[in-house]
């Protein structure tokens, strides 16, 4: 069910933001915010109906590794590993897409097919992780941008480096979550949001300066 709703949400955002054969980044972000607000309302309604299960639901929404176990790891690991390898396998196509859909098409890339495959694969990876750990935000948004600055835009290097750096960041933030207010464990999602939100604002300001908005 995590995969079904994840891929459904991504396809919905993609369909809303697509205009004239293109998917402008700004429109994609706005569509994501709008769809996210709608599903946030549904989650709030679930919290209203949760009753005795409200505490577990709230902790899952905050994100954390405190309730994860090895059985869950063995379920999620194959999906995440295979999905990550599949994304890396399409590094050439992703490199072409970074210069625009028209240029990628001229290089022989079937952009619509590649983007659909990426949506499905990404949904599998995200669903496998989030279904057990909860919503740990900003890791997938902040880490690739930092790694791109360090190693460049080549996805053959960027994808595995982002996987490794994302795991390292999660380990560090989990350690902070367990020690800052010990013996009380802070949900990891709170720590990553406090780190990621300012960096996201920095990225927006940087893009604003580059694009002359």
N, C-alpha and C. Protein backbone atom coordinates (compact mmCIF):
# COMPACT_ATOMS: atom_id res chain seq x y z
N UNK A 1 0.82 -1.21 0.00
CA UNK A 1 0.00 0.00 0.00
C UNK A 1 0.86 1.26 0.00
N UNK A 2 2.02 1.19 0.70
CA UNK A 2 2.93 2.34 0.68
C UNK A 2 3.40 2.62 -0.75
N UNK A 3 3.71 1.54 -1.49
CA UNK A 3 4.15 1.71 -2.88
C UNK A 3 3.02 2.24 -3.75
N UNK A 4 1.81 1.70 -3.59
CA UNK A 4 0.67 2.12 -4.41
C UNK A 4 0.40 3.61 -4.25
N UNK A 5 0.34 4.08 -3.02
CA UNK A 5 0.04 5.49 -2.78
C UNK A 5 1.23 6.37 -3.14
N UNK A 6 2.45 5.85 -2.98
CA UNK A 6 3.63 6.63 -3.33
C UNK A 6 3.69 6.88 -4.83
N UNK A 7 3.55 5.81 -5.62
CA UNK A 7 3.63 5.96 -7.08
C UNK A 7 2.42 6.73 -7.59
N UNK A 8 1.25 6.53 -6.96
CA UNK A 8 0.06 7.28 -7.36
C UNK A 8 0.22 8.77 -7.13
N UNK A 9 0.82 9.12 -5.98
CA UNK A 9 1.04 10.53 -5.67
C UNK A 9 2.03 11.16 -6.65
N UNK A 10 3.11 10.45 -6.94
CA UNK A 10 4.13 10.98 -7.85
C UNK A 10 3.57 11.15 -9.26
N UNK A 11 2.76 10.19 -9.72
CA UNK A 11 2.16 10.32 -11.05
C UNK A 11 1.17 11.47 -11.08
N UNK A 12 0.45 11.68 -9.99
CA UNK A 12 -0.49 12.79 -9.92
C UNK A 12 0.23 14.13 -9.99
N UNK A 13 1.31 14.27 -9.23
CA UNK A 13 2.10 15.50 -9.27
C UNK A 13 2.68 15.73 -10.66
N UNK A 14 3.19 14.66 -11.26
CA UNK A 14 3.77 14.76 -12.60
C UNK A 14 2.72 15.18 -13.62
N UNK A 15 1.51 14.60 -13.53
CA UNK A 15 0.45 14.93 -14.48
C UNK A 15 0.00 16.37 -14.31
N UNK A 16 -0.09 16.85 -13.08
CA UNK A 16 -0.53 18.23 -12.83
C UNK A 16 0.50 19.23 -13.35
N UNK A 17 1.78 18.93 -13.13
CA UNK A 17 2.84 19.89 -13.46
C UNK A 17 3.24 19.87 -14.94
N UNK A 18 2.89 18.80 -15.66
CA UNK A 18 3.29 18.70 -17.05
C UNK A 18 2.49 19.66 -17.91
N UNK A 19 3.19 20.42 -18.74
CA UNK A 19 2.53 21.41 -19.59
C UNK A 19 3.23 21.47 -20.94
N UNK A 20 2.49 21.15 -21.99
CA UNK A 20 3.04 21.23 -23.34
C UNK A 20 4.23 20.34 -23.58
N UNK A 21 4.22 19.16 -22.94
CA UNK A 21 5.32 18.23 -23.13
C UNK A 21 6.51 18.47 -22.22
N UNK A 22 6.44 19.47 -21.35
CA UNK A 22 7.54 19.79 -20.45
C UNK A 22 7.05 19.75 -19.00
N UNK A 23 8.01 19.60 -18.10
CA UNK A 23 7.71 19.62 -16.67
C UNK A 23 8.62 20.66 -16.02
N UNK A 24 8.18 21.92 -15.96
CA UNK A 24 9.01 22.95 -15.32
C UNK A 24 9.23 22.64 -13.84
N UNK A 25 10.45 22.86 -13.38
CA UNK A 25 10.79 22.54 -12.00
C UNK A 25 9.92 23.32 -11.02
N UNK A 26 9.70 24.61 -11.31
CA UNK A 26 8.91 25.44 -10.42
C UNK A 26 7.48 24.91 -10.32
N UNK A 27 6.89 24.53 -11.45
CA UNK A 27 5.54 23.99 -11.45
C UNK A 27 5.49 22.66 -10.72
N UNK A 28 6.54 21.85 -10.87
CA UNK A 28 6.61 20.57 -10.19
C UNK A 28 6.62 20.76 -8.68
N UNK A 29 7.39 21.74 -8.21
CA UNK A 29 7.43 22.02 -6.77
C UNK A 29 6.08 22.49 -6.25
N UNK A 30 5.43 23.39 -7.00
CA UNK A 30 4.13 23.91 -6.57
C UNK A 30 3.08 22.81 -6.56
N UNK A 31 3.11 21.95 -7.58
CA UNK A 31 2.17 20.83 -7.63
C UNK A 31 2.41 19.89 -6.46
N UNK A 32 3.68 19.65 -6.14
CA UNK A 32 4.01 18.80 -5.01
C UNK A 32 3.51 19.37 -3.70
N UNK A 33 3.64 20.68 -3.54
CA UNK A 33 3.15 21.33 -2.32
C UNK A 33 1.63 21.20 -2.21
N UNK A 34 0.94 21.41 -3.33
CA UNK A 34 -0.53 21.33 -3.32
C UNK A 34 -1.01 19.92 -3.00
N UNK A 35 -0.44 18.93 -3.68
CA UNK A 35 -0.84 17.55 -3.43
C UNK A 35 -0.44 17.12 -2.02
N UNK A 36 0.74 17.57 -1.57
CA UNK A 36 1.16 17.26 -0.21
C UNK A 36 0.22 17.83 0.84
N UNK A 37 -0.29 19.04 0.60
CA UNK A 37 -1.24 19.65 1.53
C UNK A 37 -2.53 18.84 1.60
N UNK A 38 -2.97 18.34 0.43
CA UNK A 38 -4.20 17.53 0.41
C UNK A 38 -4.03 16.25 1.21
N UNK A 39 -2.90 15.54 1.00
CA UNK A 39 -2.69 14.30 1.73
C UNK A 39 -2.39 14.56 3.21
N UNK A 40 -1.83 15.72 3.52
CA UNK A 40 -1.63 16.08 4.92
C UNK A 40 -2.97 16.22 5.64
N UNK A 41 -3.94 16.76 4.92
CA UNK A 41 -5.28 16.86 5.49
C UNK A 41 -5.86 15.47 5.76
N UNK A 42 -5.64 14.53 4.84
CA UNK A 42 -6.12 13.16 5.05
C UNK A 42 -5.43 12.51 6.24
N UNK A 43 -4.12 12.77 6.38
CA UNK A 43 -3.39 12.23 7.53
C UNK A 43 -3.92 12.82 8.84
N UNK A 44 -4.21 14.11 8.82
CA UNK A 44 -4.79 14.74 10.01
C UNK A 44 -6.14 14.11 10.37
N UNK A 45 -6.91 13.77 9.35
CA UNK A 45 -8.19 13.10 9.59
C UNK A 45 -7.97 11.72 10.20
N UNK A 46 -6.93 11.01 9.73
CA UNK A 46 -6.59 9.71 10.32
C UNK A 46 -6.18 9.86 11.77
N UNK A 47 -5.43 10.92 12.08
CA UNK A 47 -5.06 11.18 13.47
C UNK A 47 -6.30 11.42 14.33
N UNK A 48 -7.26 12.12 13.76
CA UNK A 48 -8.51 12.41 14.48
C UNK A 48 -9.25 11.12 14.83
N UNK A 49 -9.16 10.12 13.95
CA UNK A 49 -9.86 8.86 14.16
C UNK A 49 -9.01 7.80 14.84
N UNK A 50 -7.74 8.11 15.12
CA UNK A 50 -6.80 7.09 15.57
C UNK A 50 -7.12 6.52 16.94
N UNK A 51 -7.62 7.33 17.84
CA UNK A 51 -7.93 6.86 19.18
C UNK A 51 -6.70 6.45 19.95
N UNK A 52 -6.68 5.18 20.43
CA UNK A 52 -5.56 4.71 21.24
C UNK A 52 -4.27 4.56 20.44
N UNK A 53 -4.36 4.53 19.12
CA UNK A 53 -3.17 4.35 18.28
C UNK A 53 -2.54 5.67 17.86
N UNK A 54 -3.02 6.77 18.43
CA UNK A 54 -2.54 8.09 18.02
C UNK A 54 -1.05 8.26 18.29
N UNK A 55 -0.56 7.78 19.43
CA UNK A 55 0.85 7.97 19.78
C UNK A 55 1.76 7.33 18.74
N UNK A 56 1.47 6.10 18.35
CA UNK A 56 2.29 5.43 17.35
C UNK A 56 2.24 6.12 16.01
N UNK A 57 1.08 6.63 15.63
CA UNK A 57 0.93 7.33 14.36
C UNK A 57 1.73 8.63 14.36
N UNK A 58 1.67 9.37 15.46
CA UNK A 58 2.40 10.64 15.55
C UNK A 58 3.91 10.38 15.50
N UNK A 59 4.38 9.35 16.20
CA UNK A 59 5.81 9.04 16.20
C UNK A 59 6.26 8.65 14.79
N UNK A 60 5.43 7.87 14.07
CA UNK A 60 5.78 7.49 12.71
C UNK A 60 5.85 8.70 11.80
N UNK A 61 4.93 9.65 11.97
CA UNK A 61 4.93 10.86 11.14
C UNK A 61 6.17 11.71 11.40
N UNK A 62 6.66 11.69 12.63
CA UNK A 62 7.88 12.45 12.94
C UNK A 62 9.13 11.76 12.38
N UNK A 63 9.07 10.47 12.18
CA UNK A 63 10.20 9.74 11.61
C UNK A 63 11.22 9.34 12.65
N UNK A 64 11.63 8.09 12.60
CA UNK A 64 12.64 7.63 13.55
C UNK A 64 12.99 6.17 13.32
N UNK A 65 14.12 5.76 13.90
CA UNK A 65 14.58 4.38 13.76
C UNK A 65 14.41 3.59 15.05
N UNK A 66 13.79 4.20 16.04
CA UNK A 66 13.69 3.58 17.36
C UNK A 66 12.90 2.28 17.35
N UNK A 67 11.91 2.15 16.49
CA UNK A 67 11.07 0.95 16.48
C UNK A 67 11.40 0.01 15.33
N UNK A 68 12.46 0.32 14.59
CA UNK A 68 12.87 -0.55 13.49
C UNK A 68 13.59 -1.77 14.04
N UNK A 69 13.46 -2.92 13.35
CA UNK A 69 14.16 -4.13 13.78
C UNK A 69 14.77 -4.82 12.56
N UNK A 70 15.49 -5.91 12.80
CA UNK A 70 16.20 -6.59 11.73
C UNK A 70 15.25 -7.24 10.73
N UNK A 71 14.10 -7.70 11.19
CA UNK A 71 13.14 -8.29 10.27
C UNK A 71 12.67 -7.27 9.24
N UNK A 72 12.44 -6.05 9.68
CA UNK A 72 12.04 -4.99 8.76
C UNK A 72 13.18 -4.65 7.81
N UNK A 73 14.42 -4.69 8.31
CA UNK A 73 15.57 -4.40 7.45
C UNK A 73 15.66 -5.38 6.29
N UNK A 74 15.46 -6.67 6.57
CA UNK A 74 15.58 -7.67 5.52
C UNK A 74 14.45 -7.57 4.50
N UNK A 75 13.34 -6.95 4.88
CA UNK A 75 12.27 -6.70 3.92
C UNK A 75 12.62 -5.51 3.03
N UNK A 76 13.11 -4.43 3.65
CA UNK A 76 13.36 -3.19 2.91
C UNK A 76 14.66 -3.24 2.11
N UNK A 77 15.68 -3.94 2.62
CA UNK A 77 17.01 -3.90 2.00
C UNK A 77 17.01 -4.34 0.54
N UNK A 78 16.40 -5.48 0.17
CA UNK A 78 16.44 -5.87 -1.25
C UNK A 78 15.78 -4.84 -2.16
N UNK A 79 14.67 -4.26 -1.72
CA UNK A 79 13.96 -3.27 -2.54
C UNK A 79 14.80 -2.01 -2.72
N UNK A 80 15.42 -1.55 -1.62
CA UNK A 80 16.25 -0.34 -1.69
C UNK A 80 17.50 -0.60 -2.53
N UNK A 81 18.13 -1.75 -2.33
CA UNK A 81 19.37 -2.06 -3.05
C UNK A 81 19.11 -2.22 -4.55
N UNK A 82 18.09 -2.99 -4.91
CA UNK A 82 17.79 -3.20 -6.32
C UNK A 82 17.34 -1.90 -6.97
N UNK A 83 16.51 -1.13 -6.25
CA UNK A 83 16.04 0.15 -6.79
C UNK A 83 17.17 1.13 -6.99
N UNK A 84 18.10 1.19 -6.05
CA UNK A 84 19.25 2.10 -6.18
C UNK A 84 20.13 1.71 -7.36
N UNK A 85 20.33 0.39 -7.54
CA UNK A 85 21.13 -0.06 -8.67
C UNK A 85 20.43 0.27 -9.99
N UNK A 86 19.10 0.13 -10.01
CA UNK A 86 18.35 0.44 -11.24
C UNK A 86 18.46 1.92 -11.59
N UNK A 87 18.41 2.79 -10.57
CA UNK A 87 18.57 4.22 -10.83
C UNK A 87 19.97 4.50 -11.38
N UNK A 88 20.98 3.86 -10.78
CA UNK A 88 22.36 4.04 -11.27
C UNK A 88 22.50 3.52 -12.70
N UNK A 89 21.79 2.46 -13.04
CA UNK A 89 21.85 1.88 -14.38
C UNK A 89 21.41 2.88 -15.45
N UNK A 90 20.51 3.79 -15.07
CA UNK A 90 20.02 4.81 -16.00
C UNK A 90 20.80 6.12 -15.88
N UNK A 91 22.04 6.05 -15.42
CA UNK A 91 22.84 7.27 -15.22
C UNK A 91 23.01 8.05 -16.52
N UNK A 92 23.25 7.34 -17.61
CA UNK A 92 23.45 8.04 -18.89
C UNK A 92 22.21 8.84 -19.26
N UNK A 93 21.04 8.23 -19.15
CA UNK A 93 19.80 8.92 -19.49
C UNK A 93 19.54 10.10 -18.54
N UNK A 94 19.86 9.91 -17.27
CA UNK A 94 19.66 11.00 -16.30
C UNK A 94 20.61 12.15 -16.58
N UNK A 95 21.84 11.83 -16.98
CA UNK A 95 22.79 12.88 -17.36
C UNK A 95 22.26 13.69 -18.54
N UNK A 96 21.67 12.99 -19.50
CA UNK A 96 21.12 13.69 -20.67
C UNK A 96 19.93 14.56 -20.28
N UNK A 97 19.11 14.09 -19.35
CA UNK A 97 17.93 14.85 -18.94
C UNK A 97 18.29 16.14 -18.20
N UNK A 98 19.48 16.18 -17.59
CA UNK A 98 19.87 17.38 -16.85
C UNK A 98 20.05 18.59 -17.76
N UNK A 99 20.25 18.36 -19.05
CA UNK A 99 20.43 19.49 -19.98
C UNK A 99 19.13 19.81 -20.72
N UNK A 100 18.04 19.15 -20.33
CA UNK A 100 16.75 19.46 -20.92
C UNK A 100 16.19 18.30 -21.72
N UNK A 101 14.85 18.22 -21.77
CA UNK A 101 14.20 17.11 -22.48
C UNK A 101 14.49 17.14 -23.97
N UNK A 102 14.52 18.33 -24.57
CA UNK A 102 14.77 18.42 -26.02
C UNK A 102 16.15 17.88 -26.37
N UNK A 103 17.16 18.29 -25.59
CA UNK A 103 18.52 17.82 -25.84
C UNK A 103 18.62 16.31 -25.60
N UNK A 104 17.95 15.84 -24.55
CA UNK A 104 17.99 14.40 -24.26
C UNK A 104 17.35 13.60 -25.40
N UNK A 105 16.24 14.11 -25.94
CA UNK A 105 15.57 13.44 -27.06
C UNK A 105 16.48 13.40 -28.29
N UNK A 106 17.19 14.51 -28.53
CA UNK A 106 18.10 14.55 -29.68
C UNK A 106 19.26 13.58 -29.53
N UNK A 107 19.55 13.17 -28.29
CA UNK A 107 20.61 12.20 -28.04
C UNK A 107 20.08 10.76 -28.06
N UNK A 108 18.81 10.62 -28.37
CA UNK A 108 18.23 9.28 -28.49
C UNK A 108 17.58 8.76 -27.22
N UNK A 109 17.32 9.62 -26.25
CA UNK A 109 16.72 9.20 -24.99
C UNK A 109 15.20 9.32 -25.08
N UNK A 110 14.51 8.25 -24.76
CA UNK A 110 13.04 8.29 -24.68
C UNK A 110 12.68 8.89 -23.32
N UNK A 111 12.53 10.20 -23.28
CA UNK A 111 12.40 10.92 -22.00
C UNK A 111 11.17 10.48 -21.22
N UNK A 112 10.03 10.29 -21.90
CA UNK A 112 8.82 9.91 -21.19
C UNK A 112 8.96 8.54 -20.55
N UNK A 113 9.56 7.61 -21.27
CA UNK A 113 9.76 6.26 -20.74
C UNK A 113 10.71 6.29 -19.54
N UNK A 114 11.79 7.03 -19.67
CA UNK A 114 12.77 7.10 -18.59
C UNK A 114 12.17 7.74 -17.35
N UNK A 115 11.42 8.84 -17.52
CA UNK A 115 10.83 9.51 -16.37
C UNK A 115 9.80 8.63 -15.69
N UNK A 116 9.02 7.87 -16.46
CA UNK A 116 8.04 6.96 -15.87
C UNK A 116 8.74 5.86 -15.09
N UNK A 117 9.82 5.31 -15.67
CA UNK A 117 10.58 4.27 -14.96
C UNK A 117 11.17 4.82 -13.67
N UNK A 118 11.71 6.04 -13.71
CA UNK A 118 12.28 6.64 -12.52
C UNK A 118 11.21 6.87 -11.44
N UNK A 119 10.01 7.27 -11.85
CA UNK A 119 8.92 7.47 -10.89
C UNK A 119 8.59 6.16 -10.19
N UNK A 120 8.49 5.07 -10.95
CA UNK A 120 8.14 3.78 -10.37
C UNK A 120 9.26 3.28 -9.45
N UNK A 121 10.51 3.34 -9.92
CA UNK A 121 11.63 2.84 -9.12
C UNK A 121 11.78 3.66 -7.84
N UNK A 122 11.71 4.97 -7.98
CA UNK A 122 11.84 5.84 -6.80
C UNK A 122 10.73 5.57 -5.80
N UNK A 123 9.53 5.33 -6.30
CA UNK A 123 8.41 5.03 -5.41
C UNK A 123 8.65 3.75 -4.63
N UNK A 124 9.22 2.73 -5.29
CA UNK A 124 9.53 1.48 -4.59
C UNK A 124 10.53 1.71 -3.47
N UNK A 125 11.60 2.44 -3.78
CA UNK A 125 12.66 2.68 -2.79
C UNK A 125 12.12 3.50 -1.62
N UNK A 126 11.41 4.58 -1.93
CA UNK A 126 10.88 5.44 -0.88
C UNK A 126 9.86 4.71 -0.02
N UNK A 127 8.96 3.97 -0.67
CA UNK A 127 7.93 3.24 0.07
C UNK A 127 8.54 2.20 1.00
N UNK A 128 9.57 1.50 0.53
CA UNK A 128 10.21 0.47 1.35
C UNK A 128 10.83 1.07 2.60
N UNK A 129 11.45 2.24 2.46
CA UNK A 129 12.10 2.88 3.60
C UNK A 129 11.09 3.54 4.54
N UNK A 130 10.19 4.31 3.97
CA UNK A 130 9.27 5.11 4.78
C UNK A 130 8.26 4.24 5.53
N UNK A 131 7.87 3.11 4.95
CA UNK A 131 6.86 2.28 5.59
C UNK A 131 7.32 1.77 6.96
N UNK A 132 8.64 1.67 7.16
CA UNK A 132 9.17 1.20 8.44
C UNK A 132 9.75 2.31 9.30
N UNK A 133 10.38 3.29 8.69
CA UNK A 133 11.09 4.32 9.46
C UNK A 133 10.23 5.55 9.73
N UNK A 134 9.15 5.71 8.98
CA UNK A 134 8.37 6.94 9.10
C UNK A 134 8.91 8.00 8.16
N UNK A 135 8.37 9.19 8.30
CA UNK A 135 8.71 10.28 7.38
C UNK A 135 9.92 11.03 7.92
N UNK A 136 11.10 10.69 7.41
CA UNK A 136 12.34 11.39 7.77
C UNK A 136 12.66 12.33 6.61
N UNK A 137 12.27 13.57 6.75
CA UNK A 137 12.32 14.50 5.65
C UNK A 137 13.69 15.11 5.40
N UNK A 138 13.84 15.67 4.20
CA UNK A 138 14.96 16.51 3.78
C UNK A 138 16.25 15.72 3.47
N UNK A 139 16.36 14.45 3.85
CA UNK A 139 17.58 13.70 3.53
C UNK A 139 17.72 13.56 2.02
N UNK A 140 16.64 13.12 1.37
CA UNK A 140 16.68 12.94 -0.07
C UNK A 140 16.71 14.24 -0.85
N UNK A 141 16.40 15.33 -0.19
CA UNK A 141 16.42 16.64 -0.86
C UNK A 141 17.77 17.33 -0.70
N UNK A 142 18.31 17.29 0.50
CA UNK A 142 19.52 18.04 0.80
C UNK A 142 20.79 17.31 0.35
N UNK A 143 20.88 16.01 0.67
CA UNK A 143 22.12 15.27 0.42
C UNK A 143 22.54 15.28 -1.05
N UNK A 144 21.64 14.96 -2.00
CA UNK A 144 22.09 14.97 -3.42
C UNK A 144 22.61 16.32 -3.88
N UNK A 145 22.02 17.42 -3.38
CA UNK A 145 22.50 18.75 -3.77
C UNK A 145 23.90 19.00 -3.23
N UNK A 146 24.15 18.58 -1.99
CA UNK A 146 25.48 18.76 -1.42
C UNK A 146 26.51 17.92 -2.19
N UNK A 147 26.15 16.67 -2.46
CA UNK A 147 27.06 15.78 -3.18
C UNK A 147 27.30 16.27 -4.60
N UNK A 148 26.28 16.83 -5.22
CA UNK A 148 26.45 17.36 -6.58
C UNK A 148 27.48 18.49 -6.59
N UNK A 149 27.48 19.31 -5.55
CA UNK A 149 28.47 20.39 -5.45
C UNK A 149 29.87 19.82 -5.29
N UNK A 150 29.99 18.68 -4.58
CA UNK A 150 31.29 18.11 -4.27
C UNK A 150 31.86 17.27 -5.41
N UNK A 151 31.00 16.45 -6.06
CA UNK A 151 31.52 15.49 -7.05
C UNK A 151 31.07 15.79 -8.46
N UNK A 152 30.18 16.77 -8.64
CA UNK A 152 29.72 17.09 -9.98
C UNK A 152 28.40 16.41 -10.31
N UNK A 153 27.86 16.69 -11.51
CA UNK A 153 26.51 16.22 -11.86
C UNK A 153 26.45 14.84 -12.52
N UNK A 154 27.58 14.16 -12.69
CA UNK A 154 27.57 12.86 -13.35
C UNK A 154 26.88 11.83 -12.45
N UNK A 155 25.74 11.30 -12.89
CA UNK A 155 24.96 10.40 -12.06
C UNK A 155 25.66 9.07 -11.82
N UNK A 156 26.64 8.71 -12.62
CA UNK A 156 27.39 7.48 -12.37
C UNK A 156 28.14 7.56 -11.05
N UNK A 157 28.51 8.76 -10.66
CA UNK A 157 29.17 8.98 -9.37
C UNK A 157 28.18 9.54 -8.36
N UNK A 158 27.29 10.39 -8.82
CA UNK A 158 26.37 11.09 -7.93
C UNK A 158 25.42 10.13 -7.20
N UNK A 159 24.89 9.13 -7.91
CA UNK A 159 23.91 8.22 -7.29
C UNK A 159 24.53 7.41 -6.15
N UNK A 160 25.62 6.67 -6.38
CA UNK A 160 26.20 5.91 -5.26
C UNK A 160 26.74 6.81 -4.14
N UNK A 161 27.29 7.97 -4.50
CA UNK A 161 27.79 8.89 -3.48
C UNK A 161 26.64 9.42 -2.62
N UNK A 162 25.50 9.69 -3.24
CA UNK A 162 24.33 10.19 -2.50
C UNK A 162 23.78 9.12 -1.56
N UNK A 163 23.77 7.86 -2.03
CA UNK A 163 23.32 6.76 -1.18
C UNK A 163 24.20 6.64 0.06
N UNK A 164 25.52 6.68 -0.14
CA UNK A 164 26.46 6.56 0.97
C UNK A 164 26.35 7.76 1.91
N UNK A 165 26.31 8.97 1.34
CA UNK A 165 26.24 10.17 2.18
C UNK A 165 24.92 10.26 2.92
N UNK A 166 23.82 9.86 2.27
CA UNK A 166 22.52 9.87 2.94
C UNK A 166 22.50 8.92 4.13
N UNK A 167 23.10 7.74 3.95
CA UNK A 167 23.19 6.80 5.07
C UNK A 167 24.02 7.35 6.21
N UNK A 168 25.14 7.99 5.87
CA UNK A 168 26.00 8.58 6.90
C UNK A 168 25.27 9.68 7.66
N UNK A 169 24.55 10.54 6.93
CA UNK A 169 23.80 11.61 7.59
C UNK A 169 22.74 11.04 8.52
N UNK A 170 22.08 9.97 8.09
CA UNK A 170 21.03 9.38 8.91
C UNK A 170 21.61 8.76 10.19
N UNK A 171 22.78 8.13 10.08
CA UNK A 171 23.43 7.57 11.25
C UNK A 171 23.81 8.67 12.24
N UNK A 172 24.36 9.77 11.71
CA UNK A 172 24.77 10.89 12.58
C UNK A 172 23.56 11.52 13.26
N UNK A 173 22.50 11.79 12.49
CA UNK A 173 21.31 12.41 13.08
C UNK A 173 20.62 11.47 14.06
N UNK A 174 20.66 10.16 13.80
CA UNK A 174 20.08 9.20 14.74
C UNK A 174 20.86 9.19 16.05
N UNK A 175 22.19 9.29 15.95
CA UNK A 175 23.01 9.37 17.17
C UNK A 175 22.69 10.63 17.96
N UNK A 176 22.51 11.75 17.25
CA UNK A 176 22.13 13.00 17.93
C UNK A 176 20.75 12.86 18.58
N UNK A 177 19.83 12.22 17.88
CA UNK A 177 18.47 12.08 18.40
C UNK A 177 18.46 11.25 19.69
N UNK A 178 19.39 10.31 19.79
CA UNK A 178 19.42 9.43 20.98
C UNK A 178 20.19 10.04 22.15
N UNK A 179 21.03 11.05 21.89
CA UNK A 179 21.92 11.56 22.94
C UNK A 179 21.60 12.98 23.41
N UNK A 180 20.98 13.79 22.56
CA UNK A 180 20.78 15.19 22.93
C UNK A 180 19.92 15.35 24.18
N UNK A 181 18.88 14.53 24.31
CA UNK A 181 17.99 14.62 25.47
C UNK A 181 17.88 13.26 26.16
N UNK A 182 18.98 12.50 26.18
CA UNK A 182 18.97 11.16 26.77
C UNK A 182 18.47 11.23 28.22
N UNK A 183 17.65 10.26 28.65
CA UNK A 183 17.28 9.02 27.96
C UNK A 183 16.09 9.16 26.99
N UNK A 184 15.57 10.38 26.81
CA UNK A 184 14.48 10.58 25.86
C UNK A 184 15.04 10.64 24.44
N UNK A 185 14.45 9.88 23.53
CA UNK A 185 14.90 9.86 22.14
C UNK A 185 14.05 10.80 21.29
N UNK A 186 14.71 11.75 20.65
CA UNK A 186 14.02 12.69 19.75
C UNK A 186 13.80 12.00 18.41
N UNK A 187 12.62 12.13 17.82
CA UNK A 187 12.44 11.56 16.47
C UNK A 187 13.45 12.13 15.48
N UNK A 188 14.05 11.26 14.68
CA UNK A 188 15.10 11.67 13.75
C UNK A 188 14.59 12.71 12.77
N UNK A 189 13.31 12.61 12.37
CA UNK A 189 12.76 13.55 11.42
C UNK A 189 12.83 14.99 11.88
N UNK A 190 12.78 15.19 13.19
CA UNK A 190 12.89 16.56 13.73
C UNK A 190 14.30 17.10 13.50
N UNK A 191 15.30 16.25 13.75
CA UNK A 191 16.70 16.67 13.58
C UNK A 191 16.98 16.98 12.10
N UNK A 192 16.56 16.08 11.21
CA UNK A 192 16.84 16.30 9.79
C UNK A 192 16.11 17.52 9.25
N UNK A 193 14.91 17.79 9.76
CA UNK A 193 14.18 18.98 9.33
C UNK A 193 14.87 20.25 9.79
N UNK A 194 15.41 20.24 11.01
CA UNK A 194 16.11 21.41 11.53
C UNK A 194 17.39 21.68 10.73
N UNK A 195 18.02 20.62 10.22
CA UNK A 195 19.21 20.79 9.39
C UNK A 195 18.84 21.11 7.96
N UNK A 196 17.84 20.40 7.44
CA UNK A 196 17.51 20.50 6.03
C UNK A 196 16.77 21.75 5.62
N UNK A 197 15.86 22.24 6.46
CA UNK A 197 15.06 23.41 6.10
C UNK A 197 15.92 24.64 5.81
N UNK A 198 16.88 25.00 6.69
CA UNK A 198 17.74 26.16 6.35
C UNK A 198 18.54 25.95 5.07
N UNK A 199 19.00 24.72 4.85
CA UNK A 199 19.77 24.47 3.63
C UNK A 199 18.87 24.57 2.40
N UNK A 200 17.62 24.15 2.52
CA UNK A 200 16.67 24.28 1.41
C UNK A 200 16.43 25.75 1.07
N UNK A 201 16.33 26.59 2.10
CA UNK A 201 16.18 28.03 1.87
C UNK A 201 17.41 28.58 1.15
N UNK A 202 18.59 28.09 1.55
CA UNK A 202 19.82 28.50 0.88
C UNK A 202 19.80 28.12 -0.59
N UNK A 203 19.33 26.90 -0.91
CA UNK A 203 19.26 26.46 -2.30
C UNK A 203 18.30 27.33 -3.11
N UNK A 204 17.17 27.70 -2.50
CA UNK A 204 16.22 28.57 -3.20
C UNK A 204 16.83 29.94 -3.48
N UNK A 205 17.53 30.49 -2.50
CA UNK A 205 18.15 31.80 -2.69
C UNK A 205 19.26 31.71 -3.74
N UNK A 206 20.00 30.62 -3.73
CA UNK A 206 21.06 30.42 -4.72
C UNK A 206 20.47 30.32 -6.13
N UNK A 207 19.39 29.58 -6.26
CA UNK A 207 18.74 29.45 -7.57
C UNK A 207 18.13 30.79 -8.00
N UNK A 208 17.60 31.53 -7.03
CA UNK A 208 17.04 32.85 -7.33
C UNK A 208 18.11 33.75 -7.89
N UNK A 209 19.30 33.70 -7.32
CA UNK A 209 20.40 34.53 -7.79
C UNK A 209 20.86 34.09 -9.18
N UNK A 210 20.94 32.78 -9.40
CA UNK A 210 21.40 32.26 -10.68
C UNK A 210 20.41 32.55 -11.81
N UNK A 211 19.11 32.45 -11.49
CA UNK A 211 18.08 32.63 -12.52
C UNK A 211 17.66 34.09 -12.67
N UNK A 212 18.12 34.96 -11.75
CA UNK A 212 17.77 36.36 -11.81
C UNK A 212 16.31 36.64 -11.51
N UNK A 213 15.72 35.82 -10.59
CA UNK A 213 14.31 36.02 -10.24
C UNK A 213 14.14 37.31 -9.45
